[in-house]
Amino acid sequence: MSIASDLIRGHTDTIILAKLMGGDNYGYEINKSIQQKTQGKYELKEATLYTAFRRLEQAGCISSYWGDEQTGARRRYYSITQLGRDTYNSLIGDWRTAKEMIEKLIELEEK
């Protein structure tokens, strides 16, 4: 059973920032790790991923640089900034609050 992408879509920035908290990375590898972690049940569309990168970079949450061409294809790497770390922590707090509220709202009441 696949998770509806609508449930995850609003958390794209949080997911990307979480991946970058572990170190610099590039788009394909981030998406591959998302697929692996969800056992193939979720992946970001390329357009969604790169739109999010642009949005996060413009907001100052990440920066990018070109990797070394000697190791293969030229890749654009992304790095989280201090603002990105702060944003991640804030988004995680928001997620936990929302998760708690949703759990309360959908829990069946005993009669």
PDB file of N, CA and C in Angstrom:
ATOM      1  N   MET A   1       0.842  -1.184   0.000  1.00  0.00           N
ATOM      2  CA  MET A   1       0.000   0.000   0.000  1.00  0.00           C
ATOM      3  C   MET A   1       0.881   1.238   0.000  1.00  0.00           C
ATOM      4  N   SER A   2       0.633   2.122  -0.929  1.00  0.00           N
ATOM      5  CA  SER A   2       1.398   3.346  -1.058  1.00  0.00           C
ATOM      6  C   SER A   2       0.757   4.462  -0.246  1.00  0.00           C
ATOM      7  N   ILE A   3       1.571   5.277   0.354  1.00  0.00           N
ATOM      8  CA  ILE A   3       1.058   6.429   1.084  1.00  0.00           C
ATOM      9  C   ILE A   3       0.685   7.496   0.066  1.00  0.00           C
ATOM     10  N   ALA A   4      -0.489   8.089   0.243  1.00  0.00           N
ATOM     11  CA  ALA A   4      -0.923   9.147  -0.671  1.00  0.00           C
ATOM     12  C   ALA A   4       0.066  10.306  -0.610  1.00  0.00           C
ATOM     13  N   SER A   5       0.540  10.715  -1.769  1.00  0.00           N
ATOM     14  CA  SER A   5       1.534  11.790  -1.794  1.00  0.00           C
ATOM     15  C   SER A   5       0.981  13.086  -1.219  1.00  0.00           C
ATOM     16  N   ASP A   6      -0.335  13.256  -1.226  1.00  0.00           N
ATOM     17  CA  ASP A   6      -0.932  14.461  -0.633  1.00  0.00           C
ATOM     18  C   ASP A   6      -0.599  14.572   0.853  1.00  0.00           C
ATOM     19  N   LEU A   7      -0.470  13.443   1.521  1.00  0.00           N
ATOM     20  CA  LEU A   7      -0.161  13.465   2.949  1.00  0.00           C
ATOM     21  C   LEU A   7       1.272  13.915   3.211  1.00  0.00           C
ATOM     22  N   ILE A   8       2.128  13.722   2.248  1.00  0.00           N
ATOM     23  CA  ILE A   8       3.553  14.029   2.428  1.00  0.00           C
ATOM     24  C   ILE A   8       3.945  15.350   1.761  1.00  0.00           C
ATOM     25  N   ARG A   9       3.233  15.735   0.734  1.00  0.00           N
ATOM     26  CA  ARG A   9       3.626  16.878  -0.100  1.00  0.00           C
ATOM     27  C   ARG A   9       3.967  18.133   0.693  1.00  0.00           C
ATOM     28  N   GLY A  10       3.221  18.447   1.725  1.00  0.00           N
ATOM     29  CA  GLY A  10       3.474  19.656   2.508  1.00  0.00           C
ATOM     30  C   GLY A  10       4.735  19.591   3.353  1.00  0.00           C
ATOM     31  N   HIS A  11       5.406  18.454   3.340  1.00  0.00           N
ATOM     32  CA  HIS A  11       6.585  18.267   4.171  1.00  0.00           C
ATOM     33  C   HIS A  11       7.860  18.077   3.348  1.00  0.00           C
ATOM     34  N   THR A  12       7.801  18.424   2.079  1.00  0.00           N
ATOM     35  CA  THR A  12       8.954  18.261   1.186  1.00  0.00           C
ATOM     36  C   THR A  12      10.180  18.995   1.711  1.00  0.00           C
ATOM     37  N   ASP A  13      10.000  20.241   2.133  1.00  0.00           N
ATOM     38  CA  ASP A  13      11.144  21.014   2.630  1.00  0.00           C
ATOM     39  C   ASP A  13      11.748  20.356   3.861  1.00  0.00           C
ATOM     40  N   THR A  14      10.899  19.885   4.765  1.00  0.00           N
ATOM     41  CA  THR A  14      11.382  19.227   5.977  1.00  0.00           C
ATOM     42  C   THR A  14      12.175  17.972   5.631  1.00  0.00           C
ATOM     43  N   ILE A  15      11.672  17.202   4.678  1.00  0.00           N
ATOM     44  CA  ILE A  15      12.348  15.965   4.268  1.00  0.00           C
ATOM     45  C   ILE A  15      13.718  16.280   3.673  1.00  0.00           C
ATOM     46  N   ILE A  16      13.779  17.273   2.805  1.00  0.00           N
ATOM     47  CA  ILE A  16      15.055  17.639   2.180  1.00  0.00           C
ATOM     48  C   ILE A  16      16.031  18.167   3.226  1.00  0.00           C
ATOM     49  N   LEU A  17      15.555  19.042   4.098  1.00  0.00           N
ATOM     50  CA  LEU A  17      16.434  19.578   5.146  1.00  0.00           C
ATOM     51  C   LEU A  17      16.933  18.457   6.058  1.00  0.00           C
ATOM     52  N   ALA A  18      16.062  17.484   6.363  1.00  0.00           N
ATOM     53  CA  ALA A  18      16.475  16.350   7.189  1.00  0.00           C
ATOM     54  C   ALA A  18      17.605  15.577   6.516  1.00  0.00           C
ATOM     55  N   LYS A  19      17.499  15.368   5.215  1.00  0.00           N
ATOM     56  CA  LYS A  19      18.547  14.643   4.490  1.00  0.00           C
ATOM     57  C   LYS A  19      19.859  15.425   4.511  1.00  0.00           C
ATOM     58  N   LEU A  20      19.774  16.755   4.425  1.00  0.00           N
ATOM     59  CA  LEU A  20      20.984  17.577   4.407  1.00  0.00           C
ATOM     60  C   LEU A  20      21.576  17.772   5.798  1.00  0.00           C
ATOM     61  N   MET A  21      20.797  17.502   6.843  1.00  0.00           N
ATOM     62  CA  MET A  21      21.341  17.582   8.207  1.00  0.00           C
ATOM     63  C   MET A  21      22.453  16.544   8.377  1.00  0.00           C
ATOM     64  N   GLY A  22      22.394  15.476   7.594  1.00  0.00           N
ATOM     65  CA  GLY A  22      23.416  14.430   7.657  1.00  0.00           C
ATOM     66  C   GLY A  22      24.654  14.727   6.832  1.00  0.00           C
ATOM     67  N   GLY A  23      24.627  15.803   6.062  1.00  0.00           N
ATOM     68  CA  GLY A  23      25.783  16.172   5.248  1.00  0.00           C
ATOM     69  C   GLY A  23      25.368  16.602   3.851  1.00  0.00           C
ATOM     70  N   ASP A  24      26.289  17.209   3.143  1.00  0.00           N
ATOM     71  CA  ASP A  24      26.034  17.689   1.785  1.00  0.00           C
ATOM     72  C   ASP A  24      25.638  16.519   0.892  1.00  0.00           C
ATOM     73  N   ASN A  25      24.776  16.819  -0.074  1.00  0.00           N
ATOM     74  CA  ASN A  25      24.324  15.763  -0.966  1.00  0.00           C
ATOM     75  C   ASN A  25      23.770  16.378  -2.243  1.00  0.00           C
ATOM     76  N   TYR A  26      23.475  15.538  -3.229  1.00  0.00           N
ATOM     77  CA  TYR A  26      22.922  16.007  -4.497  1.00  0.00           C
ATOM     78  C   TYR A  26      21.561  15.359  -4.725  1.00  0.00           C
ATOM     79  N   GLY A  27      20.797  15.935  -5.641  1.00  0.00           N
ATOM     80  CA  GLY A  27      19.402  15.574  -5.841  1.00  0.00           C
ATOM     81  C   GLY A  27      19.116  14.103  -6.038  1.00  0.00           C
ATOM     82  N   TYR A  28      19.813  13.470  -6.957  1.00  0.00           N
ATOM     83  CA  TYR A  28      19.542  12.065  -7.252  1.00  0.00           C
ATOM     84  C   TYR A  28      19.753  11.207  -6.007  1.00  0.00           C
ATOM     85  N   GLU A  29      20.820  11.453  -5.287  1.00  0.00           N
ATOM     86  CA  GLU A  29      21.140  10.658  -4.098  1.00  0.00           C
ATOM     87  C   GLU A  29      20.118  10.894  -2.985  1.00  0.00           C
ATOM     88  N   ILE A  30      19.644  12.115  -2.840  1.00  0.00           N
ATOM     89  CA  ILE A  30      18.615  12.415  -1.843  1.00  0.00           C
ATOM     90  C   ILE A  30      17.338  11.651  -2.181  1.00  0.00           C
ATOM     91  N   ASN A  31      16.936  11.705  -3.437  1.00  0.00           N
ATOM     92  CA  ASN A  31      15.709  11.012  -3.853  1.00  0.00           C
ATOM     93  C   ASN A  31      15.858   9.495  -3.702  1.00  0.00           C
ATOM     94  N   LYS A  32      17.021   8.994  -4.041  1.00  0.00           N
ATOM     95  CA  LYS A  32      17.279   7.555  -3.903  1.00  0.00           C
ATOM     96  C   LYS A  32      17.172   7.135  -2.433  1.00  0.00           C
ATOM     97  N   SER A  33      17.687   7.952  -1.542  1.00  0.00           N
ATOM     98  CA  SER A  33      17.627   7.622  -0.117  1.00  0.00           C
ATOM     99  C   SER A  33      16.190   7.686   0.402  1.00  0.00           C
ATOM    100  N   ILE A  34      15.383   8.595  -0.125  1.00  0.00           N
ATOM    101  CA  ILE A  34      13.959   8.665   0.241  1.00  0.00           C
ATOM    102  C   ILE A  34      13.252   7.386  -0.201  1.00  0.00           C
ATOM    103  N   GLN A  35      13.531   6.957  -1.424  1.00  0.00           N
ATOM    104  CA  GLN A  35      12.935   5.719  -1.934  1.00  0.00           C
ATOM    105  C   GLN A  35      13.344   4.526  -1.083  1.00  0.00           C
ATOM    106  N   GLN A  36      14.613   4.454  -0.724  1.00  0.00           N
ATOM    107  CA  GLN A  36      15.101   3.332   0.080  1.00  0.00           C
ATOM    108  C   GLN A  36      14.482   3.344   1.479  1.00  0.00           C
ATOM    109  N   LYS A  37      14.435   4.517   2.085  1.00  0.00           N
ATOM    110  CA  LYS A  37      13.911   4.613   3.449  1.00  0.00           C
ATOM    111  C   LYS A  37      12.425   4.270   3.509  1.00  0.00           C
ATOM    112  N   THR A  38      11.697   4.530   2.412  1.00  0.00           N
ATOM    113  CA  THR A  38      10.260   4.229   2.380  1.00  0.00           C
ATOM    114  C   THR A  38       9.989   2.904   1.676  1.00  0.00           C
ATOM    115  N   GLN A  39      11.040   2.149   1.409  1.00  0.00           N
ATOM    116  CA  GLN A  39      10.937   0.856   0.729  1.00  0.00           C
ATOM    117  C   GLN A  39      10.174   0.972  -0.598  1.00  0.00           C
ATOM    118  N   GLY A  40      10.463   2.053  -1.324  1.00  0.00           N
ATOM    119  CA  GLY A  40       9.902   2.262  -2.645  1.00  0.00           C
ATOM    120  C   GLY A  40       8.477   2.793  -2.666  1.00  0.00           C
ATOM    121  N   LYS A  41       7.938   3.144  -1.512  1.00  0.00           N
ATOM    122  CA  LYS A  41       6.551   3.620  -1.459  1.00  0.00           C
ATOM    123  C   LYS A  41       6.412   5.110  -1.734  1.00  0.00           C
ATOM    124  N   TYR A  42       7.533   5.824  -1.699  1.00  0.00           N
ATOM    125  CA  TYR A  42       7.469   7.270  -1.948  1.00  0.00           C
ATOM    126  C   TYR A  42       8.747   7.736  -2.609  1.00  0.00           C
ATOM    127  N   GLU A  43       8.590   8.638  -3.545  1.00  0.00           N
ATOM    128  CA  GLU A  43       9.722   9.319  -4.153  1.00  0.00           C
ATOM    129  C   GLU A  43       9.263  10.701  -4.567  1.00  0.00           C
ATOM    130  N   LEU A  44      10.186  11.626  -4.578  1.00  0.00           N
ATOM    131  CA  LEU A  44       9.871  12.978  -5.022  1.00  0.00           C
ATOM    132  C   LEU A  44      10.036  13.039  -6.532  1.00  0.00           C
ATOM    133  N   LYS A  45       9.099  13.681  -7.184  1.00  0.00           N
ATOM    134  CA  LYS A  45       9.260  13.907  -8.618  1.00  0.00           C
ATOM    135  C   LYS A  45      10.405  14.889  -8.801  1.00  0.00           C
ATOM    136  N   GLU A  46      11.126  14.708  -9.887  1.00  0.00           N
ATOM    137  CA  GLU A  46      12.296  15.551 -10.133  1.00  0.00           C
ATOM    138  C   GLU A  46      11.943  17.033 -10.104  1.00  0.00           C
ATOM    139  N   ALA A  47      10.837  17.406 -10.731  1.00  0.00           N
ATOM    140  CA  ALA A  47      10.429  18.817 -10.758  1.00  0.00           C
ATOM    141  C   ALA A  47      10.152  19.332  -9.348  1.00  0.00           C
ATOM    142  N   THR A  48       9.517  18.518  -8.525  1.00  0.00           N
ATOM    143  CA  THR A  48       9.225  18.899  -7.141  1.00  0.00           C
ATOM    144  C   THR A  48      10.509  19.084  -6.354  1.00  0.00           C
ATOM    145  N   LEU A  49      11.433  18.158  -6.520  1.00  0.00           N
ATOM    146  CA  LEU A  49      12.701  18.196  -5.810  1.00  0.00           C
ATOM    147  C   LEU A  49      13.488  19.465  -6.150  1.00  0.00           C
ATOM    148  N   TYR A  50      13.639  19.753  -7.435  1.00  0.00           N
ATOM    149  CA  TYR A  50      14.458  20.901  -7.825  1.00  0.00           C
ATOM    150  C   TYR A  50      13.754  22.230  -7.587  1.00  0.00           C
ATOM    151  N   THR A  51      12.435  22.245  -7.602  1.00  0.00           N
ATOM    152  CA  THR A  51      11.689  23.447  -7.215  1.00  0.00           C
ATOM    153  C   THR A  51      11.919  23.720  -5.730  1.00  0.00           C
ATOM    154  N   ALA A  52      11.898  22.663  -4.930  1.00  0.00           N
ATOM    155  CA  ALA A  52      12.150  22.808  -3.491  1.00  0.00           C
ATOM    156  C   ALA A  52      13.579  23.289  -3.248  1.00  0.00           C
ATOM    157  N   PHE A  53      14.552  22.758  -3.978  1.00  0.00           N
ATOM    158  CA  PHE A  53      15.931  23.230  -3.833  1.00  0.00           C
ATOM    159  C   PHE A  53      16.020  24.731  -4.105  1.00  0.00           C
ATOM    160  N   ARG A  54      15.399  25.178  -5.194  1.00  0.00           N
ATOM    161  CA  ARG A  54      15.430  26.614  -5.527  1.00  0.00           C
ATOM    162  C   ARG A  54      14.779  27.445  -4.420  1.00  0.00           C
ATOM    163  N   ARG A  55      13.627  26.990  -3.950  1.00  0.00           N
ATOM    164  CA  ARG A  55      12.899  27.721  -2.910  1.00  0.00           C
ATOM    165  C   ARG A  55      13.736  27.786  -1.622  1.00  0.00           C
ATOM    166  N   LEU A  56      14.325  26.656  -1.215  1.00  0.00           N
ATOM    167  CA  LEU A  56      15.131  26.634   0.001  1.00  0.00           C
ATOM    168  C   LEU A  56      16.402  27.471  -0.137  1.00  0.00           C
ATOM    169  N   GLU A  57      16.982  27.477  -1.342  1.00  0.00           N
ATOM    170  CA  GLU A  57      18.186  28.278  -1.560  1.00  0.00           C
ATOM    171  C   GLU A  57      17.856  29.770  -1.534  1.00  0.00           C
ATOM    172  N   GLN A  58      16.762  30.149  -2.170  1.00  0.00           N
ATOM    173  CA  GLN A  58      16.350  31.553  -2.162  1.00  0.00           C
ATOM    174  C   GLN A  58      16.011  32.036  -0.757  1.00  0.00           C
ATOM    175  N   ALA A  59      15.510  31.125   0.079  1.00  0.00           N
ATOM    176  CA  ALA A  59      15.162  31.472   1.455  1.00  0.00           C
ATOM    177  C   ALA A  59      16.392  31.509   2.371  1.00  0.00           C
ATOM    178  N   GLY A  60      17.538  31.056   1.864  1.00  0.00           N
ATOM    179  CA  GLY A  60      18.763  31.051   2.655  1.00  0.00           C
ATOM    180  C   GLY A  60      18.919  29.823   3.542  1.00  0.00           C
ATOM    181  N   CYS A  61      18.091  28.795   3.310  1.00  0.00           N
ATOM    182  CA  CYS A  61      18.153  27.575   4.128  1.00  0.00           C
ATOM    183  C   CYS A  61      19.208  26.598   3.643  1.00  0.00           C
ATOM    184  N   ILE A  62      19.549  26.669   2.364  1.00  0.00           N
ATOM    185  CA  ILE A  62      20.587  25.816   1.797  1.00  0.00           C
ATOM    186  C   ILE A  62      21.449  26.638   0.858  1.00  0.00           C
ATOM    187  N   SER A  63      22.614  26.131   0.567  1.00  0.00           N
ATOM    188  CA  SER A  63      23.469  26.713  -0.472  1.00  0.00           C
ATOM    189  C   SER A  63      23.869  25.568  -1.392  1.00  0.00           C
ATOM    190  N   SER A  64      24.364  25.912  -2.565  1.00  0.00           N
ATOM    191  CA  SER A  64      24.748  24.864  -3.513  1.00  0.00           C
ATOM    192  C   SER A  64      26.114  25.163  -4.112  1.00  0.00           C
ATOM    193  N   TYR A  65      26.730  24.112  -4.608  1.00  0.00           N
ATOM    194  CA  TYR A  65      28.029  24.242  -5.276  1.00  0.00           C
ATOM    195  C   TYR A  65      28.191  23.063  -6.228  1.00  0.00           C
ATOM    196  N   TRP A  66      29.060  23.237  -7.205  1.00  0.00           N
ATOM    197  CA  TRP A  66      29.317  22.168  -8.170  1.00  0.00           C
ATOM    198  C   TRP A  66      30.395  21.251  -7.631  1.00  0.00           C
ATOM    199  N   GLY A  67      30.159  19.961  -7.733  1.00  0.00           N
ATOM    200  CA  GLY A  67      31.118  18.957  -7.264  1.00  0.00           C
ATOM    201  C   GLY A  67      32.266  18.778  -8.221  1.00  0.00           C
ATOM    202  N   ASP A  68      33.205  17.963  -7.837  1.00  0.00           N
ATOM    203  CA  ASP A  68      34.399  17.660  -8.609  1.00  0.00           C
ATOM    204  C   ASP A  68      34.038  16.784  -9.803  1.00  0.00           C
ATOM    205  N   GLU A  69      34.349  17.251 -10.995  1.00  0.00           N
ATOM    206  CA  GLU A  69      34.033  16.503 -12.220  1.00  0.00           C
ATOM    207  C   GLU A  69      34.874  15.239 -12.366  1.00  0.00           C
ATOM    208  N   GLN A  70      35.974  15.138 -11.684  1.00  0.00           N
ATOM    209  CA  GLN A  70      36.865  13.986 -11.829  1.00  0.00           C
ATOM    210  C   GLN A  70      36.243  12.707 -11.286  1.00  0.00           C
ATOM    211  N   THR A  71      35.235  12.831 -10.446  1.00  0.00           N
ATOM    212  CA  THR A  71      34.607  11.642  -9.868  1.00  0.00           C
ATOM    213  C   THR A  71      33.431  11.155 -10.713  1.00  0.00           C
ATOM    214  N   GLY A  72      33.250  11.687 -11.887  1.00  0.00           N
ATOM    215  CA  GLY A  72      32.148  11.277 -12.758  1.00  0.00           C
ATOM    216  C   GLY A  72      31.399  12.482 -13.264  1.00  0.00           C
ATOM    217  N   ALA A  73      30.093  12.352 -13.345  1.00  0.00           N
ATOM    218  CA  ALA A  73      29.259  13.442 -13.849  1.00  0.00           C
ATOM    219  C   ALA A  73      29.351  14.650 -12.922  1.00  0.00           C
ATOM    220  N   ARG A  74      29.234  15.820 -13.506  1.00  0.00           N
ATOM    221  CA  ARG A  74      29.250  17.047 -12.716  1.00  0.00           C
ATOM    222  C   ARG A  74      27.929  17.152 -11.973  1.00  0.00           C
ATOM    223  N   ARG A  75      27.995  17.220 -10.663  1.00  0.00           N
ATOM    224  CA  ARG A  75      26.793  17.245  -9.834  1.00  0.00           C
ATOM    225  C   ARG A  75      26.742  18.524  -9.018  1.00  0.00           C
ATOM    226  N   ARG A  76      25.521  18.995  -8.832  1.00  0.00           N
ATOM    227  CA  ARG A  76      25.314  20.152  -7.976  1.00  0.00           C
ATOM    228  C   ARG A  76      24.978  19.631  -6.579  1.00  0.00           C
ATOM    229  N   TYR A  77      25.800  19.995  -5.630  1.00  0.00           N
ATOM    230  CA  TYR A  77      25.615  19.570  -4.251  1.00  0.00           C
ATOM    231  C   TYR A  77      24.923  20.661  -3.457  1.00  0.00           C
ATOM    232  N   TYR A  78      24.184  20.229  -2.458  1.00  0.00           N
ATOM    233  CA  TYR A  78      23.453  21.152  -1.592  1.00  0.00           C
ATOM    234  C   TYR A  78      23.933  20.974  -0.167  1.00  0.00           C
ATOM    235  N   SER A  79      24.008  22.086   0.531  1.00  0.00           N
ATOM    236  CA  SER A  79      24.493  22.117   1.898  1.00  0.00           C
ATOM    237  C   SER A  79      23.516  22.926   2.740  1.00  0.00           C
ATOM    238  N   ILE A  80      23.235  22.461   3.941  1.00  0.00           N
ATOM    239  CA  ILE A  80      22.305  23.178   4.812  1.00  0.00           C
ATOM    240  C   ILE A  80      23.054  24.311   5.519  1.00  0.00           C
ATOM    241  N   THR A  81      22.397  25.440   5.670  1.00  0.00           N
ATOM    242  CA  THR A  81      22.967  26.590   6.365  1.00  0.00           C
ATOM    243  C   THR A  81      22.459  26.589   7.807  1.00  0.00           C
ATOM    244  N   GLN A  82      22.973  27.512   8.611  1.00  0.00           N
ATOM    245  CA  GLN A  82      22.474  27.617   9.989  1.00  0.00           C
ATOM    246  C   GLN A  82      20.989  27.978   9.992  1.00  0.00           C
ATOM    247  N   LEU A  83      20.577  28.861   9.072  1.00  0.00           N
ATOM    248  CA  LEU A  83      19.154  29.191   8.960  1.00  0.00           C
ATOM    249  C   LEU A  83      18.358  27.940   8.599  1.00  0.00           C
ATOM    250  N   GLY A  84      18.913  27.089   7.747  1.00  0.00           N
ATOM    251  CA  GLY A  84      18.263  25.842   7.379  1.00  0.00           C
ATOM    252  C   GLY A  84      18.123  24.906   8.571  1.00  0.00           C
ATOM    253  N   ARG A  85      19.144  24.853   9.404  1.00  0.00           N
ATOM    254  CA  ARG A  85      19.075  24.025  10.622  1.00  0.00           C
ATOM    255  C   ARG A  85      17.987  24.540  11.562  1.00  0.00           C
ATOM    256  N   ASP A  86      17.935  25.863  11.712  1.00  0.00           N
ATOM    257  CA  ASP A  86      16.903  26.469  12.563  1.00  0.00           C
ATOM    258  C   ASP A  86      15.514  26.216  11.984  1.00  0.00           C
ATOM    259  N   THR A  87      15.402  26.335  10.671  1.00  0.00           N
ATOM    260  CA  THR A  87      14.125  26.096   9.997  1.00  0.00           C
ATOM    261  C   THR A  87      13.710  24.641  10.163  1.00  0.00           C
ATOM    262  N   TYR A  88      14.653  23.724   9.995  1.00  0.00           N
ATOM    263  CA  TYR A  88      14.368  22.302  10.183  1.00  0.00           C
ATOM    264  C   TYR A  88      13.815  22.048  11.590  1.00  0.00           C
ATOM    265  N   ASN A  89      14.484  22.578  12.594  1.00  0.00           N
ATOM    266  CA  ASN A  89      14.040  22.375  13.981  1.00  0.00           C
ATOM    267  C   ASN A  89      12.644  22.941  14.209  1.00  0.00           C
ATOM    268  N   SER A  90      12.357  24.079  13.616  1.00  0.00           N
ATOM    269  CA  SER A  90      11.028  24.681  13.724  1.00  0.00           C
ATOM    270  C   SER A  90       9.978  23.818  13.019  1.00  0.00           C
ATOM    271  N   LEU A  91      10.306  23.349  11.819  1.00  0.00           N
ATOM    272  CA  LEU A  91       9.373  22.505  11.063  1.00  0.00           C
ATOM    273  C   LEU A  91       9.104  21.182  11.778  1.00  0.00           C
ATOM    274  N   ILE A  92      10.125  20.624  12.409  1.00  0.00           N
ATOM    275  CA  ILE A  92       9.943  19.381  13.163  1.00  0.00           C
ATOM    276  C   ILE A  92       9.018  19.626  14.352  1.00  0.00           C
ATOM    277  N   GLY A  93       9.179  20.759  15.010  1.00  0.00           N
ATOM    278  CA  GLY A  93       8.279  21.107  16.111  1.00  0.00           C
ATOM    279  C   GLY A  93       6.843  21.242  15.630  1.00  0.00           C
ATOM    280  N   ASP A  94       6.667  21.907  14.491  1.00  0.00           N
ATOM    281  CA  ASP A  94       5.327  22.042  13.896  1.00  0.00           C
ATOM    282  C   ASP A  94       4.750  20.675  13.552  1.00  0.00           C
ATOM    283  N   TRP A  95       5.598  19.792  12.989  1.00  0.00           N
ATOM    284  CA  TRP A  95       5.146  18.449  12.609  1.00  0.00           C
ATOM    285  C   TRP A  95       4.664  17.675  13.833  1.00  0.00           C
ATOM    286  N   ARG A  96       5.431  17.736  14.898  1.00  0.00           N
ATOM    287  CA  ARG A  96       5.055  16.989  16.106  1.00  0.00           C
ATOM    288  C   ARG A  96       3.731  17.498  16.683  1.00  0.00           C
ATOM    289  N   THR A  97       3.550  18.804  16.672  1.00  0.00           N
ATOM    290  CA  THR A  97       2.295  19.386  17.159  1.00  0.00           C
ATOM    291  C   THR A  97       1.132  18.944  16.281  1.00  0.00           C
ATOM    292  N   ALA A  98       1.298  19.032  14.967  1.00  0.00           N
ATOM    293  CA  ALA A  98       0.235  18.641  14.037  1.00  0.00           C
ATOM    294  C   ALA A  98      -0.069  17.150  14.161  1.00  0.00           C
ATOM    295  N   LYS A  99       0.962  16.326  14.280  1.00  0.00           N
ATOM    296  CA  LYS A  99       0.777  14.879  14.416  1.00  0.00           C
ATOM    297  C   LYS A  99      -0.039  14.563  15.668  1.00  0.00           C
ATOM    298  N   GLU A 100       0.288  15.221  16.757  1.00  0.00           N
ATOM    299  CA  GLU A 100      -0.436  15.009  18.010  1.00  0.00           C
ATOM    300  C   GLU A 100      -1.911  15.411  17.868  1.00  0.00           C
ATOM    301  N   MET A 101      -2.153  16.552  17.236  1.00  0.00           N
ATOM    302  CA  MET A 101      -3.536  17.008  17.041  1.00  0.00           C
ATOM    303  C   MET A 101      -4.322  16.060  16.141  1.00  0.00           C
ATOM    304  N   ILE A 102      -3.703  15.625  15.049  1.00  0.00           N
ATOM    305  CA  ILE A 102      -4.380  14.716  14.113  1.00  0.00           C
ATOM    306  C   ILE A 102      -4.701  13.394  14.801  1.00  0.00           C
ATOM    307  N   GLU A 103      -3.750  12.871  15.568  1.00  0.00           N
ATOM    308  CA  GLU A 103      -4.006  11.626  16.293  1.00  0.00           C
ATOM    309  C   GLU A 103      -5.210  11.767  17.223  1.00  0.00           C
ATOM    310  N   LYS A 104      -5.318  12.902  17.895  1.00  0.00           N
ATOM    311  CA  LYS A 104      -6.457  13.125  18.787  1.00  0.00           C
ATOM    312  C   LYS A 104      -7.766  13.240  17.998  1.00  0.00           C
ATOM    313  N   LEU A 105      -7.698  13.890  16.841  1.00  0.00           N
ATOM    314  CA  LEU A 105      -8.903  14.119  16.050  1.00  0.00           C
ATOM    315  C   LEU A 105      -9.446  12.863  15.392  1.00  0.00           C
ATOM    316  N   ILE A 106      -8.559  11.929  15.056  1.00  0.00           N
ATOM    317  CA  ILE A 106      -9.043  10.725  14.347  1.00  0.00           C
ATOM    318  C   ILE A 106      -9.214   9.521  15.273  1.00  0.00           C
ATOM    319  N   GLU A 107      -8.815   9.673  16.512  1.00  0.00           N
ATOM    320  CA  GLU A 107      -8.974   8.578  17.471  1.00  0.00           C
ATOM    321  C   GLU A 107     -10.456   8.350  17.750  1.00  0.00           C
ATOM    322  N   LEU A 108     -10.864   7.099  17.714  1.00  0.00           N
ATOM    323  CA  LEU A 108     -12.259   6.771  18.005  1.00  0.00           C
ATOM    324  C   LEU A 108     -12.531   6.943  19.489  1.00  0.00           C
ATOM    325  N   GLU A 109     -13.657   7.531  19.768  1.00  0.00           N
ATOM    326  CA  GLU A 109     -14.046   7.720  21.165  1.00  0.00           C
ATOM    327  C   GLU A 109     -14.845   6.531  21.646  1.00  0.00           C
ATOM    328  N   GLU A 110     -14.587   6.136  22.876  1.00  0.00           N
ATOM    329  CA  GLU A 110     -15.350   5.021  23.457  1.00  0.00           C
ATOM    330  C   GLU A 110     -16.720   5.525  23.872  1.00  0.00           C
ATOM    331  N   LYS A 111     -17.722   4.664  23.663  1.00  0.00           N
ATOM    332  CA  LYS A 111     -19.100   5.048  24.047  1.00  0.00           C
ATOM    333  C   LYS A 111     -19.538   4.283  25.247  1.00  0.00           C
TER     334      LYS A 111
END
